[in-house]
Amino acid sequence: MEFRELSDLCISVLKDFRVIFAAVLTIIFISIGNYVVSYRKRPPRPARLKKAAAQPAQKQEQPEEKEEQQSS
């Protein structure tokens, strides 16, 4: 078998759809495997604490009203 015949045989094998299909599937399988091995789940974000119902600010009585009530 001469080099010319050998090169023609290699090219015809590489052009075959079954070889191309097997090569593509192998690359996809290896890529998925690498992704699964290197995948690291991120820790969940801490939940923001919901503030208790906003407490209304305590109303301070105005000093004038206090004086009026005390003088009565």
N, C-alpha and C. Protein backbone atom coordinates (compact mmCIF):
# COMPACT_ATOMS: atom_id res chain seq x y z
N MET A 1 0.86 -1.17 0.00
CA MET A 1 0.00 0.00 0.00
C MET A 1 0.91 1.23 0.00
N GLU A 2 0.70 2.05 -0.93
CA GLU A 2 1.52 3.25 -1.06
C GLU A 2 0.94 4.39 -0.21
N PHE A 3 1.75 5.41 -0.09
CA PHE A 3 1.32 6.57 0.71
C PHE A 3 0.07 7.21 0.13
N ARG A 4 -0.01 7.28 -1.18
CA ARG A 4 -1.17 7.89 -1.84
C ARG A 4 -2.46 7.12 -1.51
N GLU A 5 -2.40 5.82 -1.57
CA GLU A 5 -3.56 5.00 -1.24
C GLU A 5 -3.93 5.12 0.24
N LEU A 6 -2.92 5.19 1.08
CA LEU A 6 -3.15 5.32 2.52
C LEU A 6 -3.79 6.67 2.85
N SER A 7 -3.33 7.72 2.22
CA SER A 7 -3.91 9.04 2.47
C SER A 7 -5.35 9.11 1.96
N ASP A 8 -5.63 8.51 0.82
CA ASP A 8 -7.00 8.47 0.31
C ASP A 8 -7.92 7.71 1.26
N LEU A 9 -7.41 6.61 1.81
CA LEU A 9 -8.20 5.83 2.76
C LEU A 9 -8.48 6.63 4.04
N CYS A 10 -7.48 7.32 4.56
CA CYS A 10 -7.66 8.13 5.79
C CYS A 10 -8.67 9.25 5.54
N ILE A 11 -8.58 9.90 4.41
CA ILE A 11 -9.50 10.99 4.10
C ILE A 11 -10.91 10.47 3.94
N SER A 12 -11.06 9.33 3.29
CA SER A 12 -12.42 8.78 3.12
C SER A 12 -13.00 8.35 4.47
N VAL A 13 -12.17 7.86 5.38
CA VAL A 13 -12.65 7.47 6.71
C VAL A 13 -13.06 8.72 7.48
N LEU A 14 -12.26 9.75 7.43
CA LEU A 14 -12.57 10.98 8.17
C LEU A 14 -13.80 11.70 7.61
N LYS A 15 -14.11 11.52 6.35
CA LYS A 15 -15.28 12.16 5.74
C LYS A 15 -16.56 11.38 5.98
N ASP A 16 -16.46 10.17 6.47
CA ASP A 16 -17.64 9.33 6.71
C ASP A 16 -18.51 9.97 7.79
N PHE A 17 -19.83 9.99 7.57
CA PHE A 17 -20.74 10.66 8.50
C PHE A 17 -20.76 9.98 9.87
N ARG A 18 -20.52 8.68 9.92
CA ARG A 18 -20.52 7.98 11.21
C ARG A 18 -19.34 8.40 12.06
N VAL A 19 -18.19 8.62 11.44
CA VAL A 19 -17.01 9.07 12.18
C VAL A 19 -17.21 10.49 12.69
N ILE A 20 -17.75 11.35 11.85
CA ILE A 20 -18.02 12.74 12.24
C ILE A 20 -19.04 12.77 13.37
N PHE A 21 -20.10 11.99 13.25
CA PHE A 21 -21.14 11.93 14.27
C PHE A 21 -20.56 11.44 15.60
N ALA A 22 -19.75 10.40 15.56
CA ALA A 22 -19.14 9.86 16.78
C ALA A 22 -18.20 10.88 17.42
N ALA A 23 -17.46 11.61 16.61
CA ALA A 23 -16.53 12.62 17.13
C ALA A 23 -17.29 13.76 17.80
N VAL A 24 -18.37 14.22 17.18
CA VAL A 24 -19.17 15.30 17.76
C VAL A 24 -19.81 14.85 19.07
N LEU A 25 -20.35 13.65 19.10
CA LEU A 25 -20.94 13.14 20.34
C LEU A 25 -19.90 12.99 21.45
N THR A 26 -18.71 12.55 21.08
CA THR A 26 -17.64 12.42 22.07
C THR A 26 -17.26 13.77 22.65
N ILE A 27 -17.14 14.77 21.80
CA ILE A 27 -16.79 16.12 22.28
C ILE A 27 -17.88 16.67 23.20
N ILE A 28 -19.14 16.48 22.82
CA ILE A 28 -20.25 16.95 23.67
C ILE A 28 -20.24 16.21 25.00
N PHE A 29 -20.04 14.91 24.97
CA PHE A 29 -20.04 14.11 26.20
C PHE A 29 -18.91 14.54 27.13
N ILE A 30 -17.73 14.77 26.59
CA ILE A 30 -16.60 15.22 27.41
C ILE A 30 -16.85 16.61 27.97
N SER A 31 -17.45 17.50 27.17
CA SER A 31 -17.75 18.85 27.64
C SER A 31 -18.75 18.82 28.80
N ILE A 32 -19.77 18.01 28.67
CA ILE A 32 -20.77 17.89 29.75
C ILE A 32 -20.12 17.30 30.99
N GLY A 33 -19.27 16.31 30.81
CA GLY A 33 -18.56 15.71 31.94
C GLY A 33 -17.69 16.73 32.66
N ASN A 34 -16.96 17.55 31.92
CA ASN A 34 -16.13 18.59 32.53
C ASN A 34 -16.98 19.61 33.28
N TYR A 35 -18.13 19.93 32.72
CA TYR A 35 -19.02 20.89 33.39
C TYR A 35 -19.53 20.32 34.71
N VAL A 36 -19.93 19.06 34.70
CA VAL A 36 -20.45 18.44 35.91
C VAL A 36 -19.37 18.35 36.97
N VAL A 37 -18.16 18.00 36.58
CA VAL A 37 -17.08 17.86 37.54
C VAL A 37 -16.69 19.21 38.13
N SER A 38 -16.68 20.25 37.33
CA SER A 38 -16.21 21.55 37.81
C SER A 38 -17.33 22.43 38.36
N TYR A 39 -18.57 21.97 38.30
CA TYR A 39 -19.70 22.79 38.75
C TYR A 39 -19.67 22.91 40.26
N ARG A 40 -19.81 24.11 40.73
CA ARG A 40 -19.89 24.36 42.17
C ARG A 40 -21.13 25.18 42.43
N LYS A 41 -21.97 24.63 43.25
CA LYS A 41 -23.22 25.32 43.54
C LYS A 41 -22.91 26.51 44.44
N ARG A 42 -23.44 27.63 44.08
CA ARG A 42 -23.22 28.83 44.89
C ARG A 42 -24.06 28.72 46.16
N PRO A 43 -23.51 29.19 47.26
CA PRO A 43 -24.32 29.15 48.48
C PRO A 43 -25.52 30.07 48.33
N PRO A 44 -26.64 29.69 48.93
CA PRO A 44 -27.83 30.54 48.79
C PRO A 44 -27.61 31.90 49.43
N ARG A 45 -28.20 32.88 48.82
CA ARG A 45 -28.09 34.23 49.38
C ARG A 45 -28.86 34.27 50.68
N PRO A 46 -28.30 34.96 51.67
CA PRO A 46 -29.06 35.07 52.92
C PRO A 46 -30.34 35.85 52.68
N ALA A 47 -31.41 35.34 53.23
CA ALA A 47 -32.70 36.00 53.05
C ALA A 47 -32.68 37.33 53.80
N ARG A 48 -33.18 38.33 53.15
CA ARG A 48 -33.25 39.63 53.81
C ARG A 48 -34.31 39.55 54.89
N LEU A 49 -33.94 40.03 56.03
CA LEU A 49 -34.88 40.00 57.13
C LEU A 49 -35.96 41.03 56.88
N LYS A 50 -37.16 40.55 56.90
CA LYS A 50 -38.27 41.49 56.72
C LYS A 50 -38.47 42.20 58.04
N LYS A 51 -38.49 43.48 57.96
CA LYS A 51 -38.68 44.25 59.17
C LYS A 51 -40.11 44.02 59.64
N ALA A 52 -40.25 43.92 60.95
CA ALA A 52 -41.59 43.76 61.50
C ALA A 52 -42.40 44.95 61.02
N ALA A 53 -43.68 44.80 61.03
CA ALA A 53 -44.53 45.87 60.53
C ALA A 53 -43.99 47.19 61.05
N ALA A 54 -43.85 48.10 60.14
CA ALA A 54 -43.25 49.38 60.51
C ALA A 54 -44.02 49.98 61.68
N GLN A 55 -43.30 50.15 62.76
CA GLN A 55 -43.95 50.71 63.94
C GLN A 55 -44.08 52.21 63.75
N PRO A 56 -45.28 52.72 63.97
CA PRO A 56 -45.45 54.16 63.80
C PRO A 56 -44.65 54.91 64.86
N ALA A 57 -44.14 56.04 64.46
CA ALA A 57 -43.38 56.85 65.40
C ALA A 57 -44.32 57.34 66.49
N GLN A 58 -43.82 57.31 67.71
CA GLN A 58 -44.66 57.76 68.82
C GLN A 58 -44.82 59.27 68.72
N LYS A 59 -46.06 59.69 68.82
CA LYS A 59 -46.34 61.12 68.71
C LYS A 59 -46.03 61.75 70.06
N GLN A 60 -45.26 62.78 69.99
CA GLN A 60 -44.97 63.51 71.21
C GLN A 60 -45.95 64.67 71.28
N GLU A 61 -46.54 64.78 72.42
CA GLU A 61 -47.49 65.89 72.58
C GLU A 61 -46.72 67.19 72.58
N GLN A 62 -47.35 68.15 71.99
CA GLN A 62 -46.69 69.44 71.94
C GLN A 62 -46.73 70.05 73.33
N PRO A 63 -45.71 70.78 73.71
CA PRO A 63 -45.64 71.35 75.06
C PRO A 63 -46.81 72.30 75.36
N GLU A 64 -47.34 72.95 74.36
CA GLU A 64 -48.45 73.89 74.60
C GLU A 64 -49.67 73.13 75.10
N GLU A 65 -49.94 71.98 74.52
CA GLU A 65 -51.10 71.22 74.92
C GLU A 65 -50.95 70.73 76.36
N LYS A 66 -49.75 70.37 76.74
CA LYS A 66 -49.52 69.89 78.10
C LYS A 66 -49.77 71.02 79.10
N GLU A 67 -49.32 72.19 78.74
CA GLU A 67 -49.52 73.32 79.64
C GLU A 67 -50.99 73.61 79.82
N GLU A 68 -51.78 73.53 78.73
CA GLU A 68 -53.19 73.80 78.83
C GLU A 68 -53.88 72.77 79.69
N GLN A 69 -53.50 71.52 79.57
CA GLN A 69 -54.13 70.48 80.36
C GLN A 69 -53.76 70.63 81.83
N GLN A 70 -52.55 71.02 82.13
CA GLN A 70 -52.13 71.16 83.52
C GLN A 70 -52.82 72.37 84.18
N SER A 71 -53.06 73.42 83.46
CA SER A 71 -53.67 74.61 84.05
C SER A 71 -55.16 74.42 84.26
N SER A 72 -55.79 73.45 83.64
CA SER A 72 -57.21 73.24 83.80
C SER A 72 -57.55 72.54 85.06
